[in-house]
Protein backbone atom coordinates (compact mmCIF):
# COMPACT_ATOMS: atom_id res chain seq x y z
CA MET A 1 -0.17 33.30 -0.36
CA ILE A 2 0.41 37.36 -1.10
CA PRO A 3 -3.29 36.89 -4.08
CA ILE A 4 -4.57 35.21 -1.68
CA LEU A 5 -4.28 37.99 0.93
CA ILE A 6 -4.28 40.94 -1.05
CA ALA A 7 -7.76 39.68 -2.35
CA ILE A 8 -8.62 38.05 1.42
CA VAL A 9 -8.23 41.77 2.94
CA TYR A 10 -9.69 43.63 0.36
CA PHE A 11 -12.79 41.37 0.23
CA GLY A 12 -13.28 40.10 3.87
CA PHE A 13 -11.85 44.25 5.02
CA PHE A 14 -14.50 46.14 2.97
CA SER A 15 -17.40 43.98 3.47
CA ILE A 16 -16.96 43.53 7.13
CA LEU A 17 -16.75 48.09 6.66
CA PHE A 18 -19.64 47.87 4.91
CA GLY A 19 -22.05 45.12 6.19
CA ILE A 20 -21.67 46.83 9.25
CA ARG A 21 -22.22 50.03 8.16
CA SER A 22 -25.27 48.96 6.38
CA ARG A 23 -27.33 47.14 9.16
CA LYS A 24 -26.47 50.09 11.09
CA GLN A 25 -28.38 52.30 8.53
CA LYS A 26 -30.98 49.51 7.86
CA ALA A 27 -32.13 49.22 12.15
CA LYS A 28 -31.62 53.14 12.00
CA MET A 29 -34.39 53.65 8.96
CA ALA A 30 -36.13 50.63 9.82
CA GLU A 31 -36.89 52.40 13.46
CA GLN A 32 -37.55 56.42 11.49
CA ALA A 33 -39.68 54.65 9.57
CA GLY A 34 -41.94 52.09 11.26
CA THR A 35 -40.98 49.80 8.33
CA LYS A 36 -39.70 46.08 7.70
CA GLU A 37 -35.73 45.32 7.28
CA ASP A 38 -36.72 43.03 4.97
CA LYS A 39 -37.25 46.28 1.64
CA GLU A 40 -34.32 47.60 2.35
CA PHE A 41 -32.12 44.03 1.40
CA PHE A 42 -33.49 44.31 -2.40
CA THR A 43 -34.17 48.41 -3.07
CA ALA A 44 -32.36 50.00 -0.40
CA SER A 45 -35.51 51.29 0.37
CA GLY A 46 -34.44 54.58 -1.61
CA ARG A 47 -31.97 56.39 -0.52
CA LEU A 48 -29.07 56.27 -2.73
CA GLY A 49 -27.47 59.09 -4.06
CA TRP A 50 -26.55 59.13 -7.93
CA PHE A 51 -22.74 59.49 -7.47
CA ALA A 52 -23.69 55.42 -5.68
CA VAL A 53 -26.64 54.31 -8.92
CA MET A 54 -24.28 54.93 -11.03
CA CYS A 55 -21.53 52.71 -9.58
CA THR A 56 -23.60 50.35 -8.84
CA PHE A 57 -24.86 50.24 -12.17
CA VAL A 58 -22.63 50.62 -14.45
CA LEU A 59 -20.89 47.56 -12.75
CA ALA A 60 -24.55 45.28 -14.05
CA PRO A 61 -24.15 45.00 -16.62
CA LEU A 62 -19.67 45.49 -16.55
CA GLY A 63 -18.20 42.01 -15.49
CA GLY A 64 -18.06 39.24 -17.46
CA GLY A 65 -19.60 40.62 -20.96
CA HIS A 66 -17.03 42.97 -19.90
CA THR A 67 -13.83 41.13 -19.45
CA THR A 68 -14.04 37.72 -19.34
CA SER A 69 -16.47 37.24 -22.75
CA LEU A 70 -13.68 40.13 -24.43
CA TYR A 71 -10.41 38.44 -23.64
CA GLU A 72 -11.55 35.51 -23.90
CA SER A 73 -13.48 36.08 -27.63
CA GLN A 74 -9.83 38.45 -28.76
CA ALA A 75 -8.61 35.05 -30.01
CA GLY A 76 -10.69 34.63 -33.27
CA MET A 77 -11.53 37.94 -33.54
CA GLY A 78 -8.21 40.63 -32.01
CA ALA A 79 -8.98 43.50 -30.54
CA ALA A 80 -11.38 44.47 -32.23
CA VAL A 81 -14.13 43.33 -30.25
CA ALA A 82 -13.32 46.31 -28.45
CA TRP A 83 -16.47 47.33 -29.04
CA TRP A 84 -18.86 45.33 -27.47
CA GLY A 85 -17.30 47.48 -24.40
CA ILE A 86 -17.13 50.92 -26.49
CA LEU A 87 -20.46 50.80 -27.91
CA ALA A 88 -22.90 49.35 -24.67
CA GLY A 89 -20.64 52.11 -22.49
CA GLY A 90 -21.43 54.73 -25.37
CA VAL A 91 -25.26 54.04 -26.19
CA PHE A 92 -26.57 51.44 -23.99
CA VAL A 93 -25.88 52.56 -20.24
CA PRO A 94 -26.80 57.07 -21.11
CA VAL A 95 -30.40 55.67 -23.03
CA PHE A 96 -31.40 53.93 -19.79
CA LEU A 97 -29.82 55.95 -17.27
CA LEU A 98 -31.73 59.05 -18.96
CA TRP A 99 -35.29 56.76 -20.63
CA PHE A 100 -35.66 54.24 -19.30
CA GLY A 101 -34.38 53.95 -15.59
CA PRO A 102 -36.88 56.81 -15.10
CA MET A 103 -39.63 55.48 -17.27
CA PHE A 104 -40.11 52.54 -14.83
CA ARG A 105 -40.45 55.00 -12.20
CA LYS A 106 -43.57 56.12 -12.63
CA LEU A 107 -44.93 53.03 -12.73
CA HIS A 108 -44.47 52.09 -9.23
CA VAL A 109 -43.72 48.10 -9.25
CA ALA A 110 -40.78 46.50 -7.39
CA THR A 111 -39.84 44.32 -10.22
CA PHE A 112 -39.61 43.84 -13.73
CA PRO A 113 -42.33 41.61 -14.37
CA GLN A 114 -44.16 43.46 -12.62
CA ALA A 115 -43.96 46.43 -15.28
CA LEU A 116 -44.75 44.53 -17.49
CA GLY A 117 -47.41 42.53 -15.91
CA LYS A 118 -48.72 46.92 -15.40
CA ILE A 119 -49.14 46.89 -18.83
CA PHE A 120 -50.34 43.16 -20.39
CA GLY A 121 -51.55 41.68 -17.21
CA PRO A 122 -50.76 39.77 -14.15
CA LYS A 123 -51.03 35.90 -16.96
CA ILE A 124 -47.60 38.08 -18.56
CA LYS A 125 -46.69 39.01 -15.44
CA ILE A 126 -45.66 35.36 -14.36
CA PHE A 127 -44.18 34.51 -17.65
CA ASN A 128 -41.24 36.42 -17.54
CA SER A 129 -40.97 36.11 -14.19
CA SER A 130 -40.26 31.35 -15.33
CA VAL A 131 -39.31 33.13 -18.86
CA ALA A 132 -37.14 36.04 -17.77
CA PRO A 133 -35.12 34.90 -14.90
CA ALA A 134 -33.50 31.50 -17.27
CA ALA A 135 -31.68 33.78 -19.67
CA TRP A 136 -30.64 36.22 -15.82
CA LEU A 137 -29.15 32.39 -14.54
CA GLY A 138 -27.41 31.95 -17.76
CA ILE A 139 -26.10 35.14 -17.41
CA THR A 140 -24.83 35.08 -13.86
CA MET A 141 -23.25 31.24 -15.09
CA SER A 142 -20.53 33.49 -17.52
CA GLU A 143 -20.00 36.21 -13.80
CA LEU A 144 -19.59 32.14 -11.82
CA LEU A 145 -16.81 31.15 -15.41
CA GLY A 146 -14.92 34.49 -15.38
CA THR A 147 -14.70 34.94 -10.89
CA SER A 148 -13.10 31.13 -11.61
CA THR A 149 -10.53 32.70 -13.78
CA ALA A 150 -9.35 35.45 -11.14
CA ILE A 151 -9.39 32.37 -8.16
CA TYR A 152 -7.38 30.40 -11.40
CA ALA A 153 -4.87 32.95 -10.44
CA LEU A 154 -4.84 34.40 -7.80
CA CYS A 155 -4.33 30.88 -6.64
CA GLY A 156 -0.48 30.82 -8.76
CA GLY A 157 -3.02 28.04 -11.31
CA LYS A 158 -2.35 24.79 -8.69
CA VAL A 159 -5.76 24.69 -7.99
CA PRO A 160 -7.33 23.51 -11.79
CA TYR A 161 -9.68 25.84 -13.31
CA ALA A 162 -12.74 22.96 -13.22
CA PRO A 163 -14.96 22.03 -10.90
CA TRP A 164 -12.52 23.98 -8.22
CA CYS A 165 -12.21 26.71 -8.20
CA ILE A 166 -15.69 27.65 -10.10
CA LEU A 167 -16.95 25.93 -6.98
CA ILE A 168 -14.78 28.12 -4.27
CA ALA A 169 -16.04 30.82 -6.78
CA GLY A 170 -19.73 30.16 -6.31
CA ALA A 171 -19.32 30.08 -2.22
CA LEU A 172 -17.91 33.18 -2.74
CA MET A 173 -20.35 35.22 -4.82
CA LEU A 174 -23.32 32.97 -2.12
CA VAL A 175 -20.95 35.07 0.69
CA TYR A 176 -20.53 38.22 -1.23
CA ILE A 177 -24.32 38.62 -1.46
CA LEU A 178 -25.68 37.07 1.85
CA LEU A 179 -23.70 39.51 3.93
CA GLY A 180 -25.98 42.54 3.92
CA GLY A 181 -28.13 42.46 0.60
CA MET A 182 -28.84 45.54 -2.11
CA LEU A 183 -27.40 48.37 0.58
CA GLN A 184 -23.87 46.99 1.25
CA ALA A 185 -23.43 45.71 -2.26
CA SER A 186 -24.11 49.34 -3.64
CA MET A 187 -21.92 50.61 -1.34
CA MET A 188 -19.50 48.54 -2.13
CA ASN A 189 -19.73 49.06 -5.79
CA ILE A 190 -18.54 52.64 -5.55
CA ILE A 191 -14.89 50.94 -3.98
CA ASN A 192 -14.61 48.53 -6.99
CA ALA A 193 -16.00 50.78 -9.38
CA ILE A 194 -12.73 52.57 -8.55
CA MET A 195 -10.32 48.88 -8.24
CA LEU A 196 -11.26 48.00 -11.45
CA ILE A 197 -10.40 50.78 -13.21
CA ALA A 198 -7.24 51.67 -11.80
CA GLY A 199 -6.46 47.93 -11.17
CA SER A 200 -6.33 46.87 -14.86
CA TYR A 201 -4.97 49.89 -16.30
CA ILE A 202 -1.54 49.20 -14.00
CA ALA A 203 -1.14 46.41 -15.13
CA VAL A 204 -1.64 47.19 -19.16
CA VAL A 205 0.93 50.72 -17.86
CA PHE A 206 3.69 47.41 -16.09
CA VAL A 207 3.27 44.34 -18.96
CA GLY A 208 3.92 47.50 -22.08
CA MET A 209 7.32 48.38 -19.71
CA LYS A 210 7.59 44.22 -19.29
CA LEU A 211 8.15 43.77 -22.99
CA ASP A 212 10.92 43.91 -24.69
CA GLY A 213 9.97 46.60 -27.33
CA GLY A 214 6.88 47.30 -25.15
CA PHE A 215 2.78 46.25 -27.17
CA ALA A 216 5.28 46.89 -30.25
CA SER A 217 6.50 43.78 -29.32
CA VAL A 218 2.76 42.70 -30.12
CA THR A 219 2.39 44.20 -33.34
CA ALA A 220 4.32 42.65 -34.10
CA THR A 221 4.23 39.15 -32.42
CA TYR A 222 1.13 38.56 -35.08
CA ALA A 223 2.93 40.32 -38.62
CA ALA A 224 4.88 37.40 -38.09
CA GLN A 225 2.23 34.98 -37.82
CA GLY A 226 0.40 36.55 -41.67
CA MET A 227 -2.18 37.68 -38.35
CA ALA A 228 -1.01 41.83 -38.62
CA GLU A 229 -5.05 42.26 -37.82
CA HIS A 230 -5.50 40.54 -35.01
CA THR A 231 -4.27 43.97 -33.10
CA ASN A 232 -6.26 46.91 -34.88
CA LEU A 233 -9.39 47.93 -33.15
CA PHE A 234 -11.52 48.96 -36.25
CA ASN A 235 -10.80 45.75 -38.20
CA LEU A 236 -14.61 45.93 -38.58
CA THR A 237 -14.79 42.60 -40.46
CA PRO A 238 -18.51 40.66 -41.33
CA GLN A 239 -17.35 38.22 -39.00
CA VAL A 240 -17.02 41.96 -36.00
CA LEU A 241 -20.05 43.06 -37.00
CA MET A 242 -22.41 40.84 -37.61
CA ASN A 243 -20.92 38.90 -33.77
CA VAL A 244 -20.30 41.68 -31.44
CA ALA A 245 -20.89 45.88 -33.25
CA LEU A 246 -24.16 45.59 -34.39
CA PRO A 247 -25.25 43.19 -31.77
CA VAL A 248 -24.08 44.77 -29.31
CA VAL A 249 -25.79 47.60 -29.62
CA ILE A 250 -29.94 46.64 -30.53
CA LEU A 251 -28.93 43.17 -27.70
CA HIS A 252 -28.34 45.93 -24.92
CA VAL A 253 -30.58 48.41 -25.72
CA LEU A 254 -33.68 45.92 -26.57
CA SER A 255 -32.63 42.75 -23.94
CA VAL A 256 -30.63 43.90 -21.05
CA ALA A 257 -33.06 47.07 -20.44
CA SER A 258 -35.03 43.79 -19.71
CA GLU A 259 -32.80 42.73 -16.76
CA HIS A 260 -34.44 42.86 -13.08
CA ALA A 261 -30.84 44.24 -11.85
CA MET A 262 -30.66 46.93 -14.35
CA TYR A 263 -33.63 48.63 -12.04
CA GLN A 264 -32.07 48.21 -8.88
CA PRO A 265 -30.39 50.43 -8.74
CA MET A 266 -33.27 52.82 -10.41
CA LEU A 267 -35.10 51.96 -7.01
CA ALA A 268 -32.65 51.75 -5.23
CA ALA A 269 -32.44 55.60 -5.95
CA LYS A 270 -33.25 59.20 -4.25
CA SER A 271 -34.90 60.55 -7.64
CA ASN A 272 -34.62 60.34 -10.70
CA LYS A 273 -31.95 62.91 -10.89
CA ASP A 274 -29.92 60.32 -9.00
CA ILE A 275 -30.31 58.51 -11.92
CA ARG A 276 -29.69 60.99 -14.69
CA LYS A 277 -27.40 62.91 -13.22
CA GLY A 278 -24.49 59.86 -13.80
CA ALA A 279 -25.68 59.27 -17.50
CA PHE A 280 -22.03 60.54 -19.26
CA LEU A 281 -19.41 59.46 -16.30
CA GLY A 282 -21.48 56.39 -16.57
CA GLY A 283 -21.10 55.78 -20.13
CA MET A 284 -17.15 56.70 -19.33
CA PHE A 285 -16.10 54.73 -17.26
CA ASN A 286 -18.40 51.94 -19.28
CA THR A 287 -15.90 51.99 -22.17
CA ALA A 288 -13.00 52.70 -20.05
CA ALA A 289 -13.58 49.25 -17.98
CA ALA A 290 -13.08 46.99 -21.10
CA LEU A 291 -10.69 48.02 -23.10
CA PRO A 292 -6.98 47.14 -20.81
CA TRP A 293 -8.41 43.39 -21.00
CA VAL A 294 -9.18 43.18 -23.67
CA ILE A 295 -5.11 44.59 -24.78
CA LEU A 296 -4.59 42.01 -21.29
CA GLY A 297 -5.67 39.48 -24.14
CA VAL A 298 -3.82 40.48 -27.03
CA THR A 299 -0.91 40.52 -25.42
CA GLY A 300 -1.47 37.40 -23.65
CA THR A 301 -1.93 35.10 -26.65
CA SER A 302 1.00 36.55 -28.94
CA ILE A 303 2.61 34.20 -26.40
CA ALA A 304 2.78 30.33 -27.46
CA THR A 305 1.97 29.34 -24.35
CA ILE A 306 -0.45 30.94 -23.31
CA ALA A 307 -1.85 30.77 -26.06
CA ALA A 308 -1.63 26.43 -26.74
CA LYS A 309 -4.26 26.81 -23.41
CA ALA A 310 -7.81 27.60 -23.23
CA PRO A 311 -8.69 31.30 -24.52
CA ILE A 312 -10.18 32.48 -21.27
CA LEU A 313 -6.63 31.92 -18.83
CA SER A 314 -5.16 34.05 -21.50
CA VAL A 315 -5.23 37.66 -19.06
CA PRO A 316 -4.75 35.21 -15.73
CA GLU A 317 -1.93 32.91 -17.84
CA LEU A 318 -0.32 36.16 -18.57
CA ALA A 319 -0.44 37.25 -15.45
CA LEU A 320 1.11 34.54 -13.39
CA HIS A 321 3.87 34.89 -16.48
CA MET A 322 5.23 38.59 -16.38
CA MET A 323 3.60 40.33 -13.16
CA PRO A 324 4.91 40.17 -9.37
CA GLN A 325 2.49 38.69 -6.87
CA VAL A 326 1.36 42.18 -5.43
CA LEU A 327 0.16 43.01 -9.15
CA ILE A 328 -1.33 39.30 -10.12
CA GLY A 329 -3.63 40.09 -6.30
CA ILE A 330 -4.78 43.19 -7.60
CA LEU A 331 -5.53 42.77 -11.45
CA MET A 332 -7.63 39.51 -10.50
CA VAL A 333 -8.87 41.62 -7.01
CA ALA A 334 -9.93 44.12 -10.24
CA LEU A 335 -11.43 41.54 -12.37
CA MET A 336 -13.31 39.58 -9.25
CA CYS A 337 -14.75 43.87 -8.58
CA ALA A 338 -17.00 42.92 -12.38
CA LEU A 339 -17.71 39.54 -12.07
CA LEU A 340 -18.64 39.61 -8.69
CA SER A 341 -20.68 43.59 -8.54
CA THR A 342 -22.71 42.01 -11.63
CA GLY A 343 -22.94 38.20 -10.58
CA SER A 344 -24.36 38.87 -7.00
CA GLY A 345 -26.26 42.49 -8.79
CA MET A 346 -27.46 38.71 -11.37
CA ILE A 347 -28.63 36.60 -8.55
CA LEU A 348 -30.45 39.23 -6.47
CA ALA A 349 -32.85 40.05 -9.08
CA ILE A 350 -33.23 36.96 -9.89
CA SER A 351 -33.65 35.74 -5.69
CA HIS A 352 -35.70 39.41 -5.88
CA VAL A 353 -38.67 38.52 -8.46
CA VAL A 354 -38.63 35.34 -7.23
CA SER A 355 -39.46 36.11 -3.73
CA ASP A 356 -41.85 38.17 -4.97
CA ASP A 357 -43.92 36.53 -8.03
CA VAL A 358 -43.05 33.79 -7.59
CA VAL A 359 -43.16 32.02 -4.25
CA GLY A 360 -43.43 34.69 -2.85
CA PRO A 361 -47.69 34.54 -3.72
CA LEU A 362 -48.03 31.14 -3.41
CA VAL A 363 -46.97 31.19 0.96
CA ASN A 364 -49.01 34.10 1.80
CA LYS A 365 -45.29 35.81 1.51
CA LYS A 366 -44.65 39.81 0.67
CA PRO A 367 -42.24 42.67 1.43
CA GLY A 368 -42.18 43.09 5.38
CA ASP A 369 -44.19 39.94 6.24
CA LYS A 370 -42.09 37.92 8.82
CA GLY A 371 -40.45 35.56 7.81
CA TYR A 372 -39.66 37.02 3.84
CA THR A 373 -35.77 37.74 4.35
CA ALA A 374 -35.45 34.14 5.45
CA MET A 375 -36.76 32.71 2.49
CA SER A 376 -35.41 34.52 0.38
CA ARG A 377 -32.06 33.97 1.57
CA ILE A 378 -32.52 30.48 0.36
CA ILE A 379 -33.82 31.46 -2.26
CA ILE A 380 -30.50 33.30 -2.96
CA VAL A 381 -29.25 30.41 -2.13
CA VAL A 382 -31.08 27.93 -4.48
CA VAL A 383 -30.71 29.65 -7.32
CA THR A 384 -26.59 30.05 -6.96
CA LEU A 385 -26.96 25.82 -6.76
CA ALA A 386 -29.29 26.71 -10.47
CA ALA A 387 -26.50 28.48 -11.65
CA LEU A 388 -23.28 26.72 -10.60
CA LEU A 389 -23.76 23.32 -11.42
CA PRO A 390 -23.88 23.52 -15.75
CA ALA A 391 -21.99 26.33 -15.55
CA MET A 392 -19.38 23.46 -15.54
CA LYS A 393 -20.33 22.55 -18.83
CA VAL A 394 -19.63 26.47 -20.78
CA THR A 395 -17.38 26.32 -23.27
CA LEU A 396 -17.68 29.22 -24.95
CA LEU A 397 -18.70 33.22 -22.47
CA ILE A 398 -19.93 35.36 -25.77
CA THR A 399 -22.58 32.38 -27.01
CA LEU A 400 -24.27 32.05 -23.83
CA PHE A 401 -24.25 35.45 -24.45
CA PHE A 402 -26.26 36.28 -26.43
CA TRP A 403 -28.49 33.58 -26.25
CA CYS A 404 -29.36 35.11 -23.48
CA PHE A 405 -29.88 38.21 -24.42
CA ALA A 406 -32.10 36.92 -27.16
CA LEU A 407 -34.10 35.35 -24.36
CA SER A 408 -34.75 39.00 -23.04
CA MET A 409 -35.35 40.64 -26.84
CA PRO A 410 -38.76 40.04 -27.65
CA ILE A 411 -40.07 40.82 -23.25
CA PHE A 412 -39.08 44.87 -23.22
CA VAL A 413 -39.83 44.80 -27.48
CA ASN A 414 -43.35 44.37 -25.74
CA TYR A 415 -42.92 46.80 -22.65
CA LEU A 416 -41.68 49.00 -24.74
CA ILE A 417 -45.07 48.97 -27.37
CA GLY A 418 -46.56 49.15 -24.53
CA MET A 419 -44.98 51.73 -23.05
CA THR A 420 -44.65 54.12 -25.67
CA TRP A 421 -47.09 53.43 -28.23
CA LYS A 422 -50.49 50.97 -27.93
CA ILE A 423 -51.13 48.77 -25.88
CA ASN A 424 -52.57 44.93 -27.05
CA LYS A 425 -52.73 41.78 -25.34
CA LYS A 426 -53.72 39.41 -27.73
CA VAL A 427 -50.69 41.05 -29.43
CA ALA A 428 -47.76 41.29 -26.40
CA TRP A 429 -48.52 37.14 -26.57
CA ALA A 430 -48.39 36.13 -30.17
CA ASN A 431 -45.41 38.15 -29.61
CA LEU A 432 -43.18 36.59 -26.93
CA ILE A 433 -44.86 32.92 -27.99
CA ILE A 434 -43.19 33.18 -32.09
CA THR A 435 -39.73 34.74 -31.34
CA THR A 436 -39.64 32.77 -28.12
CA ALA A 437 -40.28 29.80 -30.54
CA VAL A 438 -37.37 31.03 -33.14
CA ASN A 439 -35.29 31.10 -30.79
CA PHE A 440 -35.07 27.56 -30.09
CA TRP A 441 -35.47 26.61 -34.00
CA TRP A 442 -32.80 28.71 -34.26
CA THR A 443 -30.13 27.29 -30.45
CA PHE A 444 -30.96 24.26 -31.13
CA ALA A 445 -31.73 23.66 -34.71
CA CYS A 446 -29.94 26.06 -36.78
CA PRO A 447 -30.38 26.13 -40.65
CA ASP A 448 -27.62 25.90 -42.96
CA TRP A 449 -28.39 28.91 -45.15
CA ALA A 450 -27.96 30.60 -41.77
CA GLY A 451 -24.97 32.07 -43.53
CA LEU A 452 -23.64 35.95 -40.94
CA PHE A 453 -26.44 34.98 -38.97
CA THR A 454 -26.18 32.22 -36.91
CA LEU A 455 -26.54 33.79 -34.09
CA PRO A 456 -30.27 32.94 -32.48
CA PHE A 457 -29.99 37.57 -32.00
CA TRP A 458 -30.76 37.88 -35.26
CA PRO A 459 -33.75 35.92 -36.67
CA VAL A 460 -35.52 36.58 -33.40
CA ALA A 461 -35.33 40.59 -33.99
CA PHE A 462 -35.92 40.41 -36.47
CA THR A 463 -39.31 38.59 -36.19
CA THR A 464 -40.12 40.63 -32.29
CA VAL A 465 -39.35 44.83 -34.55
CA GLY A 466 -41.76 42.97 -37.65
CA LEU A 467 -44.40 41.37 -35.38
CA GLY A 468 -44.22 44.09 -32.76
CA ILE A 469 -44.64 46.90 -35.71
CA ILE A 470 -47.01 45.23 -38.42
CA LEU A 471 -49.62 43.88 -35.44
CA ASN A 472 -49.74 46.52 -34.02
CA LEU A 473 -51.10 48.67 -36.66
CA ILE A 474 -53.47 46.31 -37.61
CA PHE A 475 -55.01 45.78 -34.87
CA PRO A 476 -56.59 48.12 -32.51
CA GLY A 477 -55.39 48.97 -28.77
CA GLU A 478 -54.89 51.38 -25.77
CA PRO A 479 -52.57 53.74 -25.94
CA GLY A 480 -49.41 52.77 -23.73
CA LEU A 481 -49.69 53.32 -20.56
CA LEU A 482 -47.21 56.61 -19.96
CA LYS A 483 -50.60 57.61 -21.63
CA GLN A 484 -52.28 56.94 -19.19
CA ILE A 485 -50.60 58.36 -16.91
CA ALA A 486 -50.31 61.81 -19.02
CA ALA A 487 -53.99 61.95 -19.35
CA GLU A 488 -54.91 61.02 -15.77
CA LYS A 489 -52.11 63.62 -14.44
CA ALA A 490 -54.08 66.37 -16.57
CA ALA A 491 -57.42 65.17 -15.90
CA LYS A 492 -56.74 65.48 -12.31
CA LYS A 493 -55.25 69.30 -13.50
């Protein structure tokens, strides 16, 4: 009962505290500005400072990719899977906060599909609004499953992981979102970022002290099984390089950057300065948050009774095996901080896009209109259910991540080309259609000769980048949108 009480007190206290505060602030700001509360729900009316922006953004890509999928996949690839977090934090976070985020704000749009539509026209916005949420939904599924593992441990392993822990996770995530929207989630994420780092590292220190012989005994256990490389961070085998390290850099920069959840903190920021200020500190947090989960996962699977169970339960089972009740509560709450933050961010992003770009135009509703928030909340419930039901059939999280990323990649590649280089609508459409077809071919009928290139990421990356460069070199087009914006500003001077 102690772990459950810790979780209830933690989330209950901060949710109520920030819920009351955010509602008071929303009402005050709406009264002062003469605007509707609806704009607050998704973007907090652009008034987050740099630290809140950094915490919200860093936690957005941090959830299952940096925690659950890593301690699950280390069972097959060892400690070297930690390069997912190292490279994501060291490359993706600074690139996005220094470049992609401020670049997006220049377009003065509310969603990423609207940005794509501003470059290539309204039809491509519809394509993005229809296809991209499917990829984001897959990531939401992984966050639900990760949250389920934490609930499993909080309940002492007595509640079956599937389906009950998954159903509880869905209900919890829904409540987490509906209590306040973007402003409350951002304030909660500041506390969550601290909790995630502190809780996971406290657990690592405790486990190291509890083990006979410390972590050296874990290394010795694997060595005795002929698996000494399992604890080697630098064991960069072809499998790790081709299935983790290289894909992480390319996919985060060219795929995760197309997720609207990444841009919501940008829209909520006071200024570009508040986006850029936390770039390198956020990168360090992002990397540091991933490492303890790999250490705990490797330690867990070194114990025979834990190794016999599903890898996704390695850390929860380790907690139940050797940690006191209070520490189980702290560690699992730390895990849920990342997963609920990412999952809620994805659901908010999907609902924002569907509300503004799909359902809203059909029913003639937009932010500020009567009933917009009610419509958005209904869509949030539908999106959560759409992620919850198929999540029960997912077998390997990291595979789900890569498929989702591959689906998003051509969208961002075309966006980047249209922003910085050249705009040709026909070339963009050809690129999107061909690479989407390649993705489905490789996913559902991967050829036997694929070898190390079995992940759909690889043919999609080669196809979309290759077509983007070659076709735009061959066919004429308009200057990139940033060049057009710069030219318009120069003409006004």
